[in-house]
C-alpha atoms as a PDB file:
ATOM      1  CA  UNK A   1      -4.302  16.961  -6.234  1.00  0.00           C
ATOM      2  CA  UNK A   2      -6.240  15.043  -3.578  1.00  0.00           C
ATOM      3  CA  UNK A   3      -8.450  12.113  -4.434  1.00  0.00           C
ATOM      4  CA  UNK A   4     -10.433   9.949  -2.077  1.00  0.00           C
ATOM      5  CA  UNK A   5     -11.863   6.630  -3.210  1.00  0.00           C
ATOM      6  CA  UNK A   6     -14.501   4.778  -1.178  1.00  0.00           C
ATOM      7  CA  UNK A   7     -13.243   1.187  -1.074  1.00  0.00           C
ATOM      8  CA  UNK A   8     -16.792  -0.104  -0.562  1.00  0.00           C
ATOM      9  CA  UNK A   9     -17.980   1.486  -3.809  1.00  0.00           C
ATOM     10  CA  UNK A  10     -14.852   1.250  -5.993  1.00  0.00           C
ATOM     11  CA  UNK A  11     -13.195  -2.148  -5.746  1.00  0.00           C
ATOM     12  CA  UNK A  12      -9.524  -2.292  -6.670  1.00  0.00           C
ATOM     13  CA  UNK A  13      -8.477  -5.746  -7.812  1.00  0.00           C
ATOM     14  CA  UNK A  14      -5.060  -7.371  -7.981  1.00  0.00           C
ATOM     15  CA  UNK A  15      -3.957  -6.030 -11.360  1.00  0.00           C
ATOM     16  CA  UNK A  16      -4.824  -2.420 -10.526  1.00  0.00           C
ATOM     17  CA  UNK A  17      -3.375  -2.715  -6.991  1.00  0.00           C
ATOM     18  CA  UNK A  18      -0.081  -4.111  -8.311  1.00  0.00           C
ATOM     19  CA  UNK A  19       0.117  -1.284 -10.854  1.00  0.00           C
ATOM     20  CA  UNK A  20      -0.358   1.247  -8.034  1.00  0.00           C
ATOM     21  CA  UNK A  21       2.380  -0.365  -5.939  1.00  0.00           C
ATOM     22  CA  UNK A  22       4.785  -0.744  -8.877  1.00  0.00           C
ATOM     23  CA  UNK A  23       4.360   2.966  -9.754  1.00  0.00           C
ATOM     24  CA  UNK A  24       5.657   3.980  -6.300  1.00  0.00           C
ATOM     25  CA  UNK A  25       9.258   4.451  -5.205  1.00  0.00           C
ATOM     26  CA  UNK A  26       8.442   3.149  -1.723  1.00  0.00           C
ATOM     27  CA  UNK A  27       5.735   0.789  -0.474  1.00  0.00           C
ATOM     28  CA  UNK A  28       5.048   0.320   3.229  1.00  0.00           C
ATOM     29  CA  UNK A  29       2.793  -2.572   4.188  1.00  0.00           C
ATOM     30  CA  UNK A  30       1.481  -2.672   7.747  1.00  0.00           C
ATOM     31  CA  UNK A  31      -0.120  -5.694   9.396  1.00  0.00           C
ATOM     32  CA  UNK A  32      -0.844  -5.528  13.090  1.00  0.00           C
ATOM     33  CA  UNK A  33       2.245  -4.418  14.995  1.00  0.00           C
ATOM     34  CA  UNK A  34       4.635  -5.156  12.130  1.00  0.00           C
ATOM     35  CA  UNK A  35       5.376  -3.449   8.829  1.00  0.00           C
ATOM     36  CA  UNK A  36       7.542  -4.057   5.779  1.00  0.00           C
ATOM     37  CA  UNK A  37       9.263  -1.204   3.935  1.00  0.00           C
ATOM     38  CA  UNK A  38      10.098  -1.836   0.270  1.00  0.00           C
ATOM     39  CA  UNK A  39      12.356   0.410  -1.785  1.00  0.00           C
ATOM     40  CA  UNK A  40      10.796  -0.407  -5.136  1.00  0.00           C
ATOM     41  CA  UNK A  41      13.986   0.533  -7.010  1.00  0.00           C
ATOM     42  CA  UNK A  42      16.399  -1.548  -4.915  1.00  0.00           C
ATOM     43  CA  UNK A  43      14.468  -4.435  -3.330  1.00  0.00           C
ATOM     44  CA  UNK A  44      11.094  -4.681  -5.035  1.00  0.00           C
ATOM     45  CA  UNK A  45       9.307  -7.909  -4.117  1.00  0.00           C
ATOM     46  CA  UNK A  46       7.874 -10.320  -6.675  1.00  0.00           C
ATOM     47  CA  UNK A  47       4.203 -10.102  -7.625  1.00  0.00           C
ATOM     48  CA  UNK A  48       3.197 -12.980  -5.327  1.00  0.00           C
ATOM     49  CA  UNK A  49       4.824 -11.457  -2.239  1.00  0.00           C
ATOM     50  CA  UNK A  50       3.486  -7.991  -3.016  1.00  0.00           C
ATOM     51  CA  UNK A  51      -0.019  -9.357  -3.647  1.00  0.00           C
ATOM     52  CA  UNK A  52      -0.031 -11.165  -0.278  1.00  0.00           C
ATOM     53  CA  UNK A  53       0.804  -7.898   1.454  1.00  0.00           C
ATOM     54  CA  UNK A  54      -1.536  -5.476  -0.298  1.00  0.00           C
ATOM     55  CA  UNK A  55      -4.613  -7.592  -1.042  1.00  0.00           C
ATOM     56  CA  UNK A  56      -7.261  -8.498   1.498  1.00  0.00           C
ATOM     57  CA  UNK A  57      -9.121 -11.811   1.825  1.00  0.00           C
ATOM     58  CA  UNK A  58     -11.983 -10.438  -0.284  1.00  0.00           C
ATOM     59  CA  UNK A  59      -9.652 -10.015  -3.265  1.00  0.00           C
ATOM     60  CA  UNK A  60      -9.592  -6.217  -3.006  1.00  0.00           C
ATOM     61  CA  UNK A  61      -6.848  -3.766  -2.108  1.00  0.00           C
ATOM     62  CA  UNK A  62      -6.575  -3.571   1.683  1.00  0.00           C
ATOM     63  CA  UNK A  63      -7.822  -0.459   3.409  1.00  0.00           C
ATOM     64  CA  UNK A  64      -6.675   2.000   4.399  1.00  0.00           C
ATOM     65  CA  UNK A  65      -4.345   2.621   1.486  1.00  0.00           C
ATOM     66  CA  UNK A  66      -2.704   6.000   1.002  1.00  0.00           C
ATOM     67  CA  UNK A  67      -0.542   7.384  -1.758  1.00  0.00           C
ATOM     68  CA  UNK A  68       1.515  10.344  -0.633  1.00  0.00           C
ATOM     69  CA  UNK A  69       3.779  11.539  -3.409  1.00  0.00           C
ATOM     70  CA  UNK A  70       5.793   8.501  -4.528  1.00  0.00           C
ATOM     71  CA  UNK A  71       5.022   6.507  -1.348  1.00  0.00           C
ATOM     72  CA  UNK A  72       2.179   3.998  -0.985  1.00  0.00           C
ATOM     73  CA  UNK A  73       1.084   2.893   2.491  1.00  0.00           C
ATOM     74  CA  UNK A  74      -1.161  -0.157   2.848  1.00  0.00           C
ATOM     75  CA  UNK A  75      -2.691  -0.834   6.248  1.00  0.00           C
ATOM     76  CA  UNK A  76      -2.335   1.208   9.412  1.00  0.00           C
ATOM     77  CA  UNK A  77       0.677   1.511  11.706  1.00  0.00           C
ATOM     78  CA  UNK A  78       1.264   4.533  13.999  1.00  0.00           C
ATOM     79  CA  UNK A  79       5.029   4.638  13.428  1.00  0.00           C
ATOM     80  CA  UNK A  80       4.671   4.478   9.636  1.00  0.00           C
ATOM     81  CA  UNK A  81       2.043   7.233   9.517  1.00  0.00           C
ATOM     82  CA  UNK A  82       4.102   9.434  11.849  1.00  0.00           C
ATOM     83  CA  UNK A  83       7.235   9.044   9.757  1.00  0.00           C
ATOM     84  CA  UNK A  84       5.641   9.580   6.362  1.00  0.00           C
ATOM     85  CA  UNK A  85       3.278  12.388   7.389  1.00  0.00           C
ATOM     86  CA  UNK A  86       5.622  14.029   9.861  1.00  0.00           C
ATOM     87  CA  UNK A  87       3.035  13.896  12.661  1.00  0.00           C
END
């Protein structure tokens, strides 16, 4: 099932964003030219670290955010998108 949410109309706050990330097996957080890859079963970060990575300065989940199967990608990074989507 595909679902698209307009981040300008549907704000996702910290609690809901953390729940999304914690429900994934893998979370990739991209910022600029760098990214962090968390295996949520083996090296899940604490709430503070995860919040710093996935939340924007406005207090909402950063965009773009994608959930593909059990993987959540926050932010944009060519290498991450290519790997996860097989492009």
